[in-house]
PDB file of N, CA and C in Angstrom:
ATOM      1  N   MET A   1       0.803  -1.213   0.000  1.00  0.00           N
ATOM      2  CA  MET A   1       0.000   0.000   0.000  1.00  0.00           C
ATOM      3  C   MET A   1       0.846   1.279   0.000  1.00  0.00           C
ATOM      4  N   PRO A   2       2.013   1.327   0.671  1.00  0.00           N
ATOM      5  CA  PRO A   2       2.806   2.560   0.670  1.00  0.00           C
ATOM      6  C   PRO A   2       3.216   3.022  -0.724  1.00  0.00           C
ATOM      7  N   SER A   3       3.384   2.091  -1.689  1.00  0.00           N
ATOM      8  CA  SER A   3       3.813   2.500  -3.026  1.00  0.00           C
ATOM      9  C   SER A   3       2.789   3.444  -3.668  1.00  0.00           C
ATOM     10  N   ARG A   4       1.525   3.276  -3.309  1.00  0.00           N
ATOM     11  CA  ARG A   4       0.487   4.157  -3.842  1.00  0.00           C
ATOM     12  C   ARG A   4       0.735   5.605  -3.403  1.00  0.00           C
ATOM     13  N   ASP A   5       1.205   5.781  -2.155  1.00  0.00           N
ATOM     14  CA  ASP A   5       1.552   7.105  -1.633  1.00  0.00           C
ATOM     15  C   ASP A   5       2.570   7.801  -2.524  1.00  0.00           C
ATOM     16  N   PHE A   6       3.626   7.076  -2.860  1.00  0.00           N
ATOM     17  CA  PHE A   6       4.685   7.665  -3.658  1.00  0.00           C
ATOM     18  C   PHE A   6       4.173   8.041  -5.039  1.00  0.00           C
ATOM     19  N   LYS A   7       3.327   7.193  -5.614  1.00  0.00           N
ATOM     20  CA  LYS A   7       2.785   7.510  -6.929  1.00  0.00           C
ATOM     21  C   LYS A   7       1.936   8.772  -6.866  1.00  0.00           C
ATOM     22  N   ARG A   8       1.186   8.923  -5.811  1.00  0.00           N
ATOM     23  CA  ARG A   8       0.369  10.132  -5.671  1.00  0.00           C
ATOM     24  C   ARG A   8       1.261  11.365  -5.548  1.00  0.00           C
ATOM     25  N   THR A   9       2.302  11.289  -4.731  1.00  0.00           N
ATOM     26  CA  THR A   9       3.182  12.447  -4.593  1.00  0.00           C
ATOM     27  C   THR A   9       3.887  12.746  -5.923  1.00  0.00           C
ATOM     28  N   ASP A  10       4.222  11.694  -6.669  1.00  0.00           N
ATOM     29  CA  ASP A  10       4.839  11.902  -7.982  1.00  0.00           C
ATOM     30  C   ASP A  10       3.868  12.595  -8.930  1.00  0.00           C
ATOM     31  N   ARG A  11       2.618  12.145  -8.933  1.00  0.00           N
ATOM     32  CA  ARG A  11       1.609  12.763  -9.811  1.00  0.00           C
ATOM     33  C   ARG A  11       1.370  14.214  -9.426  1.00  0.00           C
ATOM     34  N   VAL A  12       1.230  14.466  -8.130  1.00  0.00           N
ATOM     35  CA  VAL A  12       1.012  15.839  -7.657  1.00  0.00           C
ATOM     36  C   VAL A  12       2.230  16.698  -7.999  1.00  0.00           C
ATOM     37  N   GLY A  13       3.430  16.149  -7.784  1.00  0.00           N
ATOM     38  CA  GLY A  13       4.656  16.879  -8.112  1.00  0.00           C
ATOM     39  C   GLY A  13       4.746  17.233  -9.585  1.00  0.00           C
ATOM     40  N   ALA A  14       4.387  16.280 -10.448  1.00  0.00           N
ATOM     41  CA  ALA A  14       4.425  16.535 -11.891  1.00  0.00           C
ATOM     42  C   ALA A  14       3.422  17.612 -12.289  1.00  0.00           C
ATOM     43  N   GLU A  15       2.230  17.546 -11.716  1.00  0.00           N
ATOM     44  CA  GLU A  15       1.227  18.559 -12.031  1.00  0.00           C
ATOM     45  C   GLU A  15       1.651  19.927 -11.503  1.00  0.00           C
ATOM     46  N   LEU A  16       2.195  19.950 -10.288  1.00  0.00           N
ATOM     47  CA  LEU A  16       2.699  21.210  -9.739  1.00  0.00           C
ATOM     48  C   LEU A  16       3.813  21.786 -10.615  1.00  0.00           C
ATOM     49  N   ARG A  17       4.698  20.919 -11.117  1.00  0.00           N
ATOM     50  CA  ARG A  17       5.799  21.372 -11.961  1.00  0.00           C
ATOM     51  C   ARG A  17       5.262  22.041 -13.227  1.00  0.00           C
ATOM     52  N   ARG A  18       4.250  21.426 -13.841  1.00  0.00           N
ATOM     53  CA  ARG A  18       3.647  22.017 -15.054  1.00  0.00           C
ATOM     54  C   ARG A  18       3.007  23.371 -14.745  1.00  0.00           C
ATOM     55  N   GLU A  19       2.178  23.383 -13.719  1.00  0.00           N
ATOM     56  CA  GLU A  19       1.456  24.617 -13.369  1.00  0.00           C
ATOM     57  C   GLU A  19       2.421  25.719 -12.926  1.00  0.00           C
ATOM     58  N   LEU A  20       3.371  25.368 -12.068  1.00  0.00           N
ATOM     59  CA  LEU A  20       4.318  26.370 -11.571  1.00  0.00           C
ATOM     60  C   LEU A  20       5.249  26.869 -12.676  1.00  0.00           C
ATOM     61  N   GLY A  21       5.561  26.002 -13.635  1.00  0.00           N
ATOM     62  CA  GLY A  21       6.377  26.437 -14.763  1.00  0.00           C
ATOM     63  C   GLY A  21       5.736  27.613 -15.470  1.00  0.00           C
ATOM     64  N   THR A  22       4.444  27.516 -15.687  1.00  0.00           N
ATOM     65  CA  THR A  22       3.692  28.601 -16.327  1.00  0.00           C
ATOM     66  C   THR A  22       3.637  29.833 -15.437  1.00  0.00           C
ATOM     67  N   LEU A  23       3.357  29.629 -14.141  1.00  0.00           N
ATOM     68  CA  LEU A  23       3.251  30.749 -13.204  1.00  0.00           C
ATOM     69  C   LEU A  23       4.587  31.474 -13.034  1.00  0.00           C
ATOM     70  N   VAL A  24       5.670  30.705 -12.940  1.00  0.00           N
ATOM     71  CA  VAL A  24       6.999  31.313 -12.771  1.00  0.00           C
ATOM     72  C   VAL A  24       7.377  32.090 -14.035  1.00  0.00           C
ATOM     73  N   HIS A  25       7.089  31.513 -15.195  1.00  0.00           N
ATOM     74  CA  HIS A  25       7.385  32.203 -16.457  1.00  0.00           C
ATOM     75  C   HIS A  25       6.660  33.550 -16.508  1.00  0.00           C
ATOM     76  N   ALA A  26       5.386  33.550 -16.116  1.00  0.00           N
ATOM     77  CA  ALA A  26       4.602  34.792 -16.103  1.00  0.00           C
ATOM     78  C   ALA A  26       5.158  35.780 -15.077  1.00  0.00           C
ATOM     79  N   ALA A  27       5.571  35.285 -13.917  1.00  0.00           N
ATOM     80  CA  ALA A  27       6.119  36.156 -12.860  1.00  0.00           C
ATOM     81  C   ALA A  27       7.424  36.796 -13.322  1.00  0.00           C
ATOM     82  N   VAL A  28       8.256  36.028 -14.015  1.00  0.00           N
ATOM     83  CA  VAL A  28       9.517  36.565 -14.536  1.00  0.00           C
ATOM     84  C   VAL A  28       9.212  37.729 -15.476  1.00  0.00           C
ATOM     85  N   ARG A  29       8.244  37.523 -16.342  1.00  0.00           N
ATOM     86  CA  ARG A  29       7.855  38.550 -17.319  1.00  0.00           C
ATOM     87  C   ARG A  29       7.181  39.750 -16.628  1.00  0.00           C
ATOM     88  N   ASP A  30       6.214  39.484 -15.770  1.00  0.00           N
ATOM     89  CA  ASP A  30       5.401  40.560 -15.175  1.00  0.00           C
ATOM     90  C   ASP A  30       6.125  41.346 -14.088  1.00  0.00           C
ATOM     91  N   HIS A  31       6.981  40.681 -13.326  1.00  0.00           N
ATOM     92  CA  HIS A  31       7.645  41.342 -12.191  1.00  0.00           C
ATOM     93  C   HIS A  31       9.097  41.694 -12.481  1.00  0.00           C
ATOM     94  N   GLY A  32       9.558  41.425 -13.691  1.00  0.00           N
ATOM     95  CA  GLY A  32      10.936  41.749 -14.048  1.00  0.00           C
ATOM     96  C   GLY A  32      11.956  40.968 -13.245  1.00  0.00           C
ATOM     97  N   LEU A  33      11.632  39.717 -12.930  1.00  0.00           N
ATOM     98  CA  LEU A  33      12.557  38.873 -12.164  1.00  0.00           C
ATOM     99  C   LEU A  33      13.664  38.350 -13.081  1.00  0.00           C
ATOM    100  N   PRO A  34      14.782  37.934 -12.486  1.00  0.00           N
ATOM    101  CA  PRO A  34      15.823  37.280 -13.294  1.00  0.00           C
ATOM    102  C   PRO A  34      15.234  36.032 -13.960  1.00  0.00           C
ATOM    103  N   SER A  35      15.646  35.779 -15.178  1.00  0.00           N
ATOM    104  CA  SER A  35      15.109  34.658 -15.944  1.00  0.00           C
ATOM    105  C   SER A  35      15.418  33.332 -15.253  1.00  0.00           C
ATOM    106  N   CYS A  36      14.365  32.581 -14.947  1.00  0.00           N
ATOM    107  CA  CYS A  36      14.533  31.294 -14.293  1.00  0.00           C
ATOM    108  C   CYS A  36      13.393  30.373 -14.700  1.00  0.00           C
ATOM    109  N   SER A  37      13.584  29.091 -14.436  1.00  0.00           N
ATOM    110  CA  SER A  37      12.540  28.124 -14.761  1.00  0.00           C
ATOM    111  C   SER A  37      12.512  27.015 -13.718  1.00  0.00           C
ATOM    112  N   VAL A  38      11.381  26.338 -13.650  1.00  0.00           N
ATOM    113  CA  VAL A  38      11.193  25.254 -12.687  1.00  0.00           C
ATOM    114  C   VAL A  38      11.811  23.991 -13.266  1.00  0.00           C
ATOM    115  N   SER A  39      12.726  23.369 -12.504  1.00  0.00           N
ATOM    116  CA  SER A  39      13.354  22.141 -12.987  1.00  0.00           C
ATOM    117  C   SER A  39      12.735  20.892 -12.359  1.00  0.00           C
ATOM    118  N   ASP A  40      12.258  21.011 -11.125  1.00  0.00           N
ATOM    119  CA  ASP A  40      11.670  19.850 -10.463  1.00  0.00           C
ATOM    120  C   ASP A  40      10.832  20.307  -9.274  1.00  0.00           C
ATOM    121  N   VAL A  41       9.925  19.440  -8.848  1.00  0.00           N
ATOM    122  CA  VAL A  41       9.128  19.702  -7.644  1.00  0.00           C
ATOM    123  C   VAL A  41       9.106  18.414  -6.827  1.00  0.00           C
ATOM    124  N   GLU A  42       9.468  18.518  -5.568  1.00  0.00           N
ATOM    125  CA  GLU A  42       9.416  17.379  -4.651  1.00  0.00           C
ATOM    126  C   GLU A  42       8.346  17.658  -3.615  1.00  0.00           C
ATOM    127  N   VAL A  43       7.417  16.725  -3.478  1.00  0.00           N
ATOM    128  CA  VAL A  43       6.303  16.899  -2.555  1.00  0.00           C
ATOM    129  C   VAL A  43       6.471  15.931  -1.393  1.00  0.00           C
ATOM    130  N   THR A  44       6.237  16.415  -0.166  1.00  0.00           N
ATOM    131  CA  THR A  44       6.309  15.533   0.994  1.00  0.00           C
ATOM    132  C   THR A  44       5.172  14.519   0.941  1.00  0.00           C
ATOM    133  N   ARG A  45       5.355  13.388   1.624  1.00  0.00           N
ATOM    134  CA  ARG A  45       4.347  12.318   1.575  1.00  0.00           C
ATOM    135  C   ARG A  45       2.986  12.771   2.062  1.00  0.00           C
ATOM    136  N   ASP A  46       2.968  13.689   3.037  1.00  0.00           N
ATOM    137  CA  ASP A  46       1.683  14.161   3.563  1.00  0.00           C
ATOM    138  C   ASP A  46       1.100  15.303   2.718  1.00  0.00           C
ATOM    139  N   LEU A  47       1.792  15.667   1.637  1.00  0.00           N
ATOM    140  CA  LEU A  47       1.363  16.721   0.710  1.00  0.00           C
ATOM    141  C   LEU A  47       1.248  18.097   1.364  1.00  0.00           C
ATOM    142  N   ASP A  48       1.958  18.300   2.488  1.00  0.00           N
ATOM    143  CA  ASP A  48       1.929  19.593   3.164  1.00  0.00           C
ATOM    144  C   ASP A  48       2.905  20.591   2.548  1.00  0.00           C
ATOM    145  N   TRP A  49       4.034  20.084   2.051  1.00  0.00           N
ATOM    146  CA  TRP A  49       5.084  20.955   1.525  1.00  0.00           C
ATOM    147  C   TRP A  49       5.517  20.503   0.143  1.00  0.00           C
ATOM    148  N   ALA A  50       5.864  21.483  -0.679  1.00  0.00           N
ATOM    149  CA  ALA A  50       6.456  21.193  -1.984  1.00  0.00           C
ATOM    150  C   ALA A  50       7.725  22.028  -2.110  1.00  0.00           C
ATOM    151  N   THR A  51       8.844  21.352  -2.372  1.00  0.00           N
ATOM    152  CA  THR A  51      10.093  22.056  -2.640  1.00  0.00           C
ATOM    153  C   THR A  51      10.188  22.222  -4.145  1.00  0.00           C
ATOM    154  N   VAL A  52      10.254  23.467  -4.581  1.00  0.00           N
ATOM    155  CA  VAL A  52      10.282  23.775  -6.005  1.00  0.00           C
ATOM    156  C   VAL A  52      11.712  24.149  -6.378  1.00  0.00           C
ATOM    157  N   TRP A  53      12.344  23.329  -7.205  1.00  0.00           N
ATOM    158  CA  TRP A  53      13.725  23.550  -7.622  1.00  0.00           C
ATOM    159  C   TRP A  53      13.718  24.382  -8.892  1.00  0.00           C
ATOM    160  N   VAL A  54      14.458  25.481  -8.879  1.00  0.00           N
ATOM    161  CA  VAL A  54      14.522  26.355 -10.049  1.00  0.00           C
ATOM    162  C   VAL A  54      15.966  26.511 -10.525  1.00  0.00           C
ATOM    163  N   THR A  55      16.101  26.723 -11.823  1.00  0.00           N
ATOM    164  CA  THR A  55      17.404  27.040 -12.406  1.00  0.00           C
ATOM    165  C   THR A  55      17.316  28.454 -12.962  1.00  0.00           C
ATOM    166  N   ALA A  56      18.439  29.149 -12.962  1.00  0.00           N
ATOM    167  CA  ALA A  56      18.481  30.524 -13.464  1.00  0.00           C
ATOM    168  C   ALA A  56      19.340  30.566 -14.717  1.00  0.00           C
ATOM    169  N   LEU A  57      18.936  31.418 -15.656  1.00  0.00           N
ATOM    170  CA  LEU A  57      19.701  31.591 -16.880  1.00  0.00           C
ATOM    171  C   LEU A  57      21.100  32.110 -16.544  1.00  0.00           C
ATOM    172  N   LEU A  58      21.151  33.042 -15.616  1.00  0.00           N
ATOM    173  CA  LEU A  58      22.431  33.583 -15.142  1.00  0.00           C
ATOM    174  C   LEU A  58      22.597  33.164 -13.682  1.00  0.00           C
ATOM    175  N   PRO A  59      23.474  32.184 -13.414  1.00  0.00           N
ATOM    176  CA  PRO A  59      23.613  31.655 -12.045  1.00  0.00           C
ATOM    177  C   PRO A  59      23.895  32.719 -10.987  1.00  0.00           C
ATOM    178  N   GLN A  60      24.572  33.803 -11.352  1.00  0.00           N
ATOM    179  CA  GLN A  60      24.870  34.845 -10.358  1.00  0.00           C
ATOM    180  C   GLN A  60      23.599  35.568  -9.890  1.00  0.00           C
ATOM    181  N   GLN A  61      22.499  35.411 -10.622  1.00  0.00           N
ATOM    182  CA  GLN A  61      21.229  36.026 -10.212  1.00  0.00           C
ATOM    183  C   GLN A  61      20.312  35.045  -9.488  1.00  0.00           C
ATOM    184  N   SER A  62      20.823  33.860  -9.186  1.00  0.00           N
ATOM    185  CA  SER A  62      19.974  32.822  -8.606  1.00  0.00           C
ATOM    186  C   SER A  62      19.425  33.200  -7.236  1.00  0.00           C
ATOM    187  N   LYS A  63      20.255  33.795  -6.379  1.00  0.00           N
ATOM    188  CA  LYS A  63      19.781  34.168  -5.031  1.00  0.00           C
ATOM    189  C   LYS A  63      18.638  35.165  -5.114  1.00  0.00           C
ATOM    190  N   GLU A  64      18.793  36.162  -5.983  1.00  0.00           N
ATOM    191  CA  GLU A  64      17.754  37.176  -6.180  1.00  0.00           C
ATOM    192  C   GLU A  64      16.459  36.531  -6.689  1.00  0.00           C
ATOM    193  N   ALA A  65      16.588  35.615  -7.647  1.00  0.00           N
ATOM    194  CA  ALA A  65      15.413  34.951  -8.219  1.00  0.00           C
ATOM    195  C   ALA A  65      14.688  34.113  -7.172  1.00  0.00           C
ATOM    196  N   VAL A  66      15.434  33.314  -6.406  1.00  0.00           N
ATOM    197  CA  VAL A  66      14.827  32.446  -5.392  1.00  0.00           C
ATOM    198  C   VAL A  66      14.149  33.284  -4.311  1.00  0.00           C
ATOM    199  N   LYS A  67      14.790  34.364  -3.898  1.00  0.00           N
ATOM    200  CA  LYS A  67      14.213  35.245  -2.882  1.00  0.00           C
ATOM    201  C   LYS A  67      12.875  35.820  -3.378  1.00  0.00           C
ATOM    202  N   ALA A  68      12.857  36.294  -4.617  1.00  0.00           N
ATOM    203  CA  ALA A  68      11.634  36.873  -5.184  1.00  0.00           C
ATOM    204  C   ALA A  68      10.532  35.820  -5.308  1.00  0.00           C
ATOM    205  N   LEU A  69      10.901  34.619  -5.746  1.00  0.00           N
ATOM    206  CA  LEU A  69       9.898  33.560  -5.897  1.00  0.00           C
ATOM    207  C   LEU A  69       9.327  33.146  -4.542  1.00  0.00           C
ATOM    208  N   ASN A  70      10.161  33.091  -3.519  1.00  0.00           N
ATOM    209  CA  ASN A  70       9.655  32.762  -2.181  1.00  0.00           C
ATOM    210  C   ASN A  70       8.710  33.840  -1.662  1.00  0.00           C
ATOM    211  N   GLU A  71       8.966  35.097  -2.042  1.00  0.00           N
ATOM    212  CA  GLU A  71       8.058  36.176  -1.652  1.00  0.00           C
ATOM    213  C   GLU A  71       6.717  36.062  -2.385  1.00  0.00           C
ATOM    214  N   LEU A  72       6.735  35.493  -3.591  1.00  0.00           N
ATOM    215  CA  LEU A  72       5.510  35.324  -4.381  1.00  0.00           C
ATOM    216  C   LEU A  72       4.820  33.982  -4.110  1.00  0.00           C
ATOM    217  N   ALA A  73       5.378  33.162  -3.224  1.00  0.00           N
ATOM    218  CA  ALA A  73       4.871  31.807  -2.999  1.00  0.00           C
ATOM    219  C   ALA A  73       3.391  31.785  -2.598  1.00  0.00           C
ATOM    220  N   VAL A  74       2.972  32.717  -1.770  1.00  0.00           N
ATOM    221  CA  VAL A  74       1.565  32.758  -1.338  1.00  0.00           C
ATOM    222  C   VAL A  74       0.656  33.028  -2.530  1.00  0.00           C
ATOM    223  N   GLU A  75       1.093  33.943  -3.385  1.00  0.00           N
ATOM    224  CA  GLU A  75       0.329  34.264  -4.597  1.00  0.00           C
ATOM    225  C   GLU A  75       0.249  33.045  -5.529  1.00  0.00           C
ATOM    226  N   PHE A  76       1.375  32.352  -5.697  1.00  0.00           N
ATOM    227  CA  PHE A  76       1.395  31.146  -6.532  1.00  0.00           C
ATOM    228  C   PHE A  76       0.456  30.087  -5.966  1.00  0.00           C
ATOM    229  N   ARG A  77       0.499  29.919  -4.655  1.00  0.00           N
ATOM    230  CA  ARG A  77      -0.330  28.901  -4.008  1.00  0.00           C
ATOM    231  C   ARG A  77      -1.817  29.201  -4.207  1.00  0.00           C
ATOM    232  N   ARG A  78      -2.166  30.477  -4.120  1.00  0.00           N
ATOM    233  CA  ARG A  78      -3.559  30.888  -4.342  1.00  0.00           C
ATOM    234  C   ARG A  78      -3.987  30.559  -5.772  1.00  0.00           C
ATOM    235  N   ALA A  79      -3.106  30.855  -6.742  1.00  0.00           N
ATOM    236  CA  ALA A  79      -3.418  30.559  -8.143  1.00  0.00           C
ATOM    237  C   ALA A  79      -3.549  29.049  -8.361  1.00  0.00           C
ATOM    238  N   LEU A  80      -2.673  28.272  -7.712  1.00  0.00           N
ATOM    239  CA  LEU A  80      -2.736  26.813  -7.837  1.00  0.00           C
ATOM    240  C   LEU A  80      -4.029  26.263  -7.253  1.00  0.00           C
ATOM    241  N   SER A  81      -4.501  26.860  -6.172  1.00  0.00           N
ATOM    242  CA  SER A  81      -5.734  26.367  -5.543  1.00  0.00           C
ATOM    243  C   SER A  81      -6.931  26.547  -6.471  1.00  0.00           C
ATOM    244  N   ARG A  82      -6.831  27.530  -7.366  1.00  0.00           N
ATOM    245  CA  ARG A  82      -7.913  27.739  -8.332  1.00  0.00           C
ATOM    246  C   ARG A  82      -7.782  26.829  -9.557  1.00  0.00           C
ATOM    247  N   SER A  83      -6.549  26.477  -9.922  1.00  0.00           N
ATOM    248  CA  SER A  83      -6.351  25.724 -11.165  1.00  0.00           C
ATOM    249  C   SER A  83      -6.222  24.209 -10.968  1.00  0.00           C
ATOM    250  N   MET A  84      -5.893  23.775  -9.746  1.00  0.00           N
ATOM    251  CA  MET A  84      -5.696  22.349  -9.502  1.00  0.00           C
ATOM    252  C   MET A  84      -6.834  21.770  -8.671  1.00  0.00           C
ATOM    253  N   ARG A  85      -7.111  20.499  -8.913  1.00  0.00           N
ATOM    254  CA  ARG A  85      -8.164  19.833  -8.151  1.00  0.00           C
ATOM    255  C   ARG A  85      -7.552  19.101  -6.959  1.00  0.00           C
ATOM    256  N   LEU A  86      -7.092  19.876  -5.996  1.00  0.00           N
ATOM    257  CA  LEU A  86      -6.538  19.320  -4.762  1.00  0.00           C
ATOM    258  C   LEU A  86      -7.319  19.885  -3.591  1.00  0.00           C
ATOM    259  N   ARG A  87      -7.531  19.058  -2.596  1.00  0.00           N
ATOM    260  CA  ARG A  87      -8.227  19.528  -1.402  1.00  0.00           C
ATOM    261  C   ARG A  87      -7.406  20.633  -0.730  1.00  0.00           C
ATOM    262  N   ARG A  88      -6.097  20.429  -0.708  1.00  0.00           N
ATOM    263  CA  ARG A  88      -5.212  21.402  -0.067  1.00  0.00           C
ATOM    264  C   ARG A  88      -3.919  21.477  -0.866  1.00  0.00           C
ATOM    265  N   VAL A  89      -3.594  22.659  -1.353  1.00  0.00           N
ATOM    266  CA  VAL A  89      -2.358  22.859  -2.111  1.00  0.00           C
ATOM    267  C   VAL A  89      -1.198  22.971  -1.122  1.00  0.00           C
ATOM    268  N   PRO A  90      -0.100  22.259  -1.390  1.00  0.00           N
ATOM    269  CA  PRO A  90       1.042  22.302  -0.457  1.00  0.00           C
ATOM    270  C   PRO A  90       1.647  23.704  -0.339  1.00  0.00           C
ATOM    271  N   GLU A  91       2.266  23.955   0.809  1.00  0.00           N
ATOM    272  CA  GLU A  91       3.059  25.174   0.985  1.00  0.00           C
ATOM    273  C   GLU A  91       4.239  25.072   0.032  1.00  0.00           C
ATOM    274  N   LEU A  92       4.631  26.188  -0.572  1.00  0.00           N
ATOM    275  CA  LEU A  92       5.713  26.179  -1.551  1.00  0.00           C
ATOM    276  C   LEU A  92       6.989  26.744  -0.954  1.00  0.00           C
ATOM    277  N   ARG A  93       8.088  26.071  -1.259  1.00  0.00           N
ATOM    278  CA  ARG A  93       9.403  26.500  -0.802  1.00  0.00           C
ATOM    279  C   ARG A  93      10.316  26.423  -2.031  1.00  0.00           C
ATOM    280  N   PHE A  94      10.822  27.565  -2.493  1.00  0.00           N
ATOM    281  CA  PHE A  94      11.672  27.614  -3.686  1.00  0.00           C
ATOM    282  C   PHE A  94      13.137  27.487  -3.289  1.00  0.00           C
ATOM    283  N   LYS A  95      13.860  26.667  -4.045  1.00  0.00           N
ATOM    284  CA  LYS A  95      15.301  26.489  -3.825  1.00  0.00           C
ATOM    285  C   LYS A  95      15.996  26.464  -5.182  1.00  0.00           C
ATOM    286  N   TYR A  96      17.271  26.855  -5.169  1.00  0.00           N
ATOM    287  CA  TYR A  96      18.042  26.881  -6.410  1.00  0.00           C
ATOM    288  C   TYR A  96      18.610  25.497  -6.719  1.00  0.00           C
ATOM    289  N   ASP A  97      18.419  25.054  -7.936  1.00  0.00           N
ATOM    290  CA  ASP A  97      18.932  23.764  -8.402  1.00  0.00           C
ATOM    291  C   ASP A  97      20.266  24.011  -9.097  1.00  0.00           C
ATOM    292  N   ASP A  98      21.354  23.688  -8.414  1.00  0.00           N
ATOM    293  CA  ASP A  98      22.677  23.966  -8.972  1.00  0.00           C
ATOM    294  C   ASP A  98      23.246  22.795  -9.771  1.00  0.00           C
ATOM    295  N   SER A  99      22.442  21.780 -10.049  1.00  0.00           N
ATOM    296  CA  SER A  99      22.958  20.614 -10.766  1.00  0.00           C
ATOM    297  C   SER A  99      23.419  20.977 -12.180  1.00  0.00           C
ATOM    298  N   VAL A 100      22.725  21.903 -12.840  1.00  0.00           N
ATOM    299  CA  VAL A 100      23.126  22.333 -14.178  1.00  0.00           C
ATOM    300  C   VAL A 100      24.479  23.042 -14.105  1.00  0.00           C
ATOM    301  N   ASP A 101      24.636  23.920 -13.113  1.00  0.00           N
ATOM    302  CA  ASP A 101      25.904  24.634 -12.932  1.00  0.00           C
ATOM    303  C   ASP A 101      27.046  23.650 -12.684  1.00  0.00           C
ATOM    304  N   LYS A 102      26.787  22.648 -11.848  1.00  0.00           N
ATOM    305  CA  LYS A 102      27.820  21.649 -11.545  1.00  0.00           C
ATOM    306  C   LYS A 102      28.185  20.860 -12.797  1.00  0.00           C
ATOM    307  N   GLY A 103      27.184  20.495 -13.587  1.00  0.00           N
ATOM    308  CA  GLY A 103      27.435  19.767 -14.831  1.00  0.00           C
ATOM    309  C   GLY A 103      28.268  20.581 -15.803  1.00  0.00           C
ATOM    310  N   GLU A 104      27.948  21.879 -15.923  1.00  0.00           N
ATOM    311  CA  GLU A 104      28.719  22.750 -16.811  1.00  0.00           C
ATOM    312  C   GLU A 104      30.146  22.909 -16.311  1.00  0.00           C
ATOM    313  N   ARG A 105      30.312  22.982 -15.006  1.00  0.00           N
ATOM    314  CA  ARG A 105      31.651  23.108 -14.422  1.00  0.00           C
ATOM    315  C   ARG A 105      32.475  21.847 -14.702  1.00  0.00           C
ATOM    316  N   ILE A 106      31.865  20.691 -14.580  1.00  0.00           N
ATOM    317  CA  ILE A 106      32.556  19.430 -14.878  1.00  0.00           C
ATOM    318  C   ILE A 106      32.947  19.383 -16.356  1.00  0.00           C
ATOM    319  N   ASP A 107      32.006  19.767 -17.246  1.00  0.00           N
ATOM    320  CA  ASP A 107      32.322  19.809 -18.682  1.00  0.00           C
ATOM    321  C   ASP A 107      33.510  20.722 -18.953  1.00  0.00           C
ATOM    322  N   GLN A 108      33.492  21.885 -18.311  1.00  0.00           N
ATOM    323  CA  GLN A 108      34.588  22.846 -18.501  1.00  0.00           C
ATOM    324  C   GLN A 108      35.916  22.242 -18.050  1.00  0.00           C
ATOM    325  N   LEU A 109      35.926  21.606 -16.889  1.00  0.00           N
ATOM    326  CA  LEU A 109      37.152  20.980 -16.378  1.00  0.00           C
ATOM    327  C   LEU A 109      37.644  19.876 -17.311  1.00  0.00           C
ATOM    328  N   LEU A 110      36.704  19.102 -17.857  1.00  0.00           N
ATOM    329  CA  LEU A 110      37.097  18.030 -18.776  1.00  0.00           C
ATOM    330  C   LEU A 110      37.685  18.598 -20.065  1.00  0.00           C
ATOM    331  N   ARG A 111      37.109  19.690 -20.553  1.00  0.00           N
ATOM    332  CA  ARG A 111      37.637  20.318 -21.776  1.00  0.00           C
ATOM    333  C   ARG A 111      39.025  20.903 -21.537  1.00  0.00           C
ATOM    334  N   GLU A 112      39.259  21.406 -20.333  1.00  0.00           N
ATOM    335  CA  GLU A 112      40.536  22.037 -20.023  1.00  0.00           C
ATOM    336  C   GLU A 112      41.634  21.028 -19.695  1.00  0.00           C
ATOM    337  N   SER A 113      41.267  19.808 -19.330  1.00  0.00           N
ATOM    338  CA  SER A 113      42.283  18.825 -18.945  1.00  0.00           C
ATOM    339  C   SER A 113      43.075  18.396 -20.177  1.00  0.00           C
ATOM    340  N   PRO A 114      44.359  18.077 -19.984  1.00  0.00           N
ATOM    341  CA  PRO A 114      45.184  17.644 -21.113  1.00  0.00           C
ATOM    342  C   PRO A 114      44.598  16.387 -21.737  1.00  0.00           C
ATOM    343  N   SER A 115      44.621  16.325 -23.037  1.00  0.00           N
ATOM    344  CA  SER A 115      44.062  15.182 -23.746  1.00  0.00           C
ATOM    345  C   SER A 115      44.916  13.949 -23.501  1.00  0.00           C
ATOM    346  N   HIS A 116      44.265  12.837 -23.228  1.00  0.00           N
ATOM    347  CA  HIS A 116      44.977  11.592 -22.988  1.00  0.00           C
ATOM    348  C   HIS A 116      45.151  10.795 -24.272  1.00  0.00           C
ATOM    349  N   ASP A 117      44.525  11.256 -25.381  1.00  0.00           N
ATOM    350  CA  ASP A 117      44.613  10.540 -26.639  1.00  0.00           C
ATOM    351  C   ASP A 117      46.038  10.529 -27.191  1.00  0.00           C
ATOM    352  N   SER A 118      46.745  11.665 -27.083  1.00  0.00           N
ATOM    353  CA  SER A 118      48.082  11.763 -27.651  1.00  0.00           C
ATOM    354  C   SER A 118      49.140  11.149 -26.738  1.00  0.00           C
ATOM    355  N   ASP A 119      48.786  10.843 -25.513  1.00  0.00           N
ATOM    356  CA  ASP A 119      49.739  10.266 -24.550  1.00  0.00           C
ATOM    357  C   ASP A 119      49.559   8.754 -24.524  1.00  0.00           C
ATOM    358  N   ASP A 120      50.366   8.052 -25.368  1.00  0.00           N
ATOM    359  CA  ASP A 120      50.214   6.612 -25.425  1.00  0.00           C
ATOM    360  C   ASP A 120      51.240   5.889 -24.551  1.00  0.00           C
ATOM    361  N   GLY A 121      51.992   6.622 -23.779  1.00  0.00           N
ATOM    362  CA  GLY A 121      52.909   6.018 -22.838  1.00  0.00           C
ATOM    363  C   GLY A 121      54.294   5.719 -23.413  1.00  0.00           C
ATOM    364  N   GLU A 122      54.467   5.889 -24.722  1.00  0.00           N
ATOM    365  CA  GLU A 122      55.770   5.636 -25.330  1.00  0.00           C
ATOM    366  C   GLU A 122      56.572   6.914 -25.349  1.00  0.00           C
ATOM    367  N   GLY A 123      57.887   6.804 -25.306  1.00  0.00           N
ATOM    368  CA  GLY A 123      58.637   8.029 -25.415  1.00  0.00           C
ATOM    369  C   GLY A 123      59.978   7.960 -25.024  1.00  0.00           C
TER     370      GLY A 123
END
């Protein structure tokens, strides 16, 4: 029976991700926020909280973007309560998803490392 719980949180998370993606995009445009997008949503098993992971186009503006989105969280939650068929919409908590930044940093380090193709050990 517990597996059903996880499926429900996954479904709610996916729907929240779709809805919040639209809301965040509109907020960026309407409020002049730094360009950012929703990358993932994790919902607690009791559906009380949703952690919304966002990525920023310019990583140096991520703190500003997350702060602004957290200030708009009540407004987003109100909009979600009108658009989603949930008895209770979870509280929203926005956090910066730095996985893209880390991936780009790893790519950069790999590109900068000396090529091992030309080093065949003979010499």
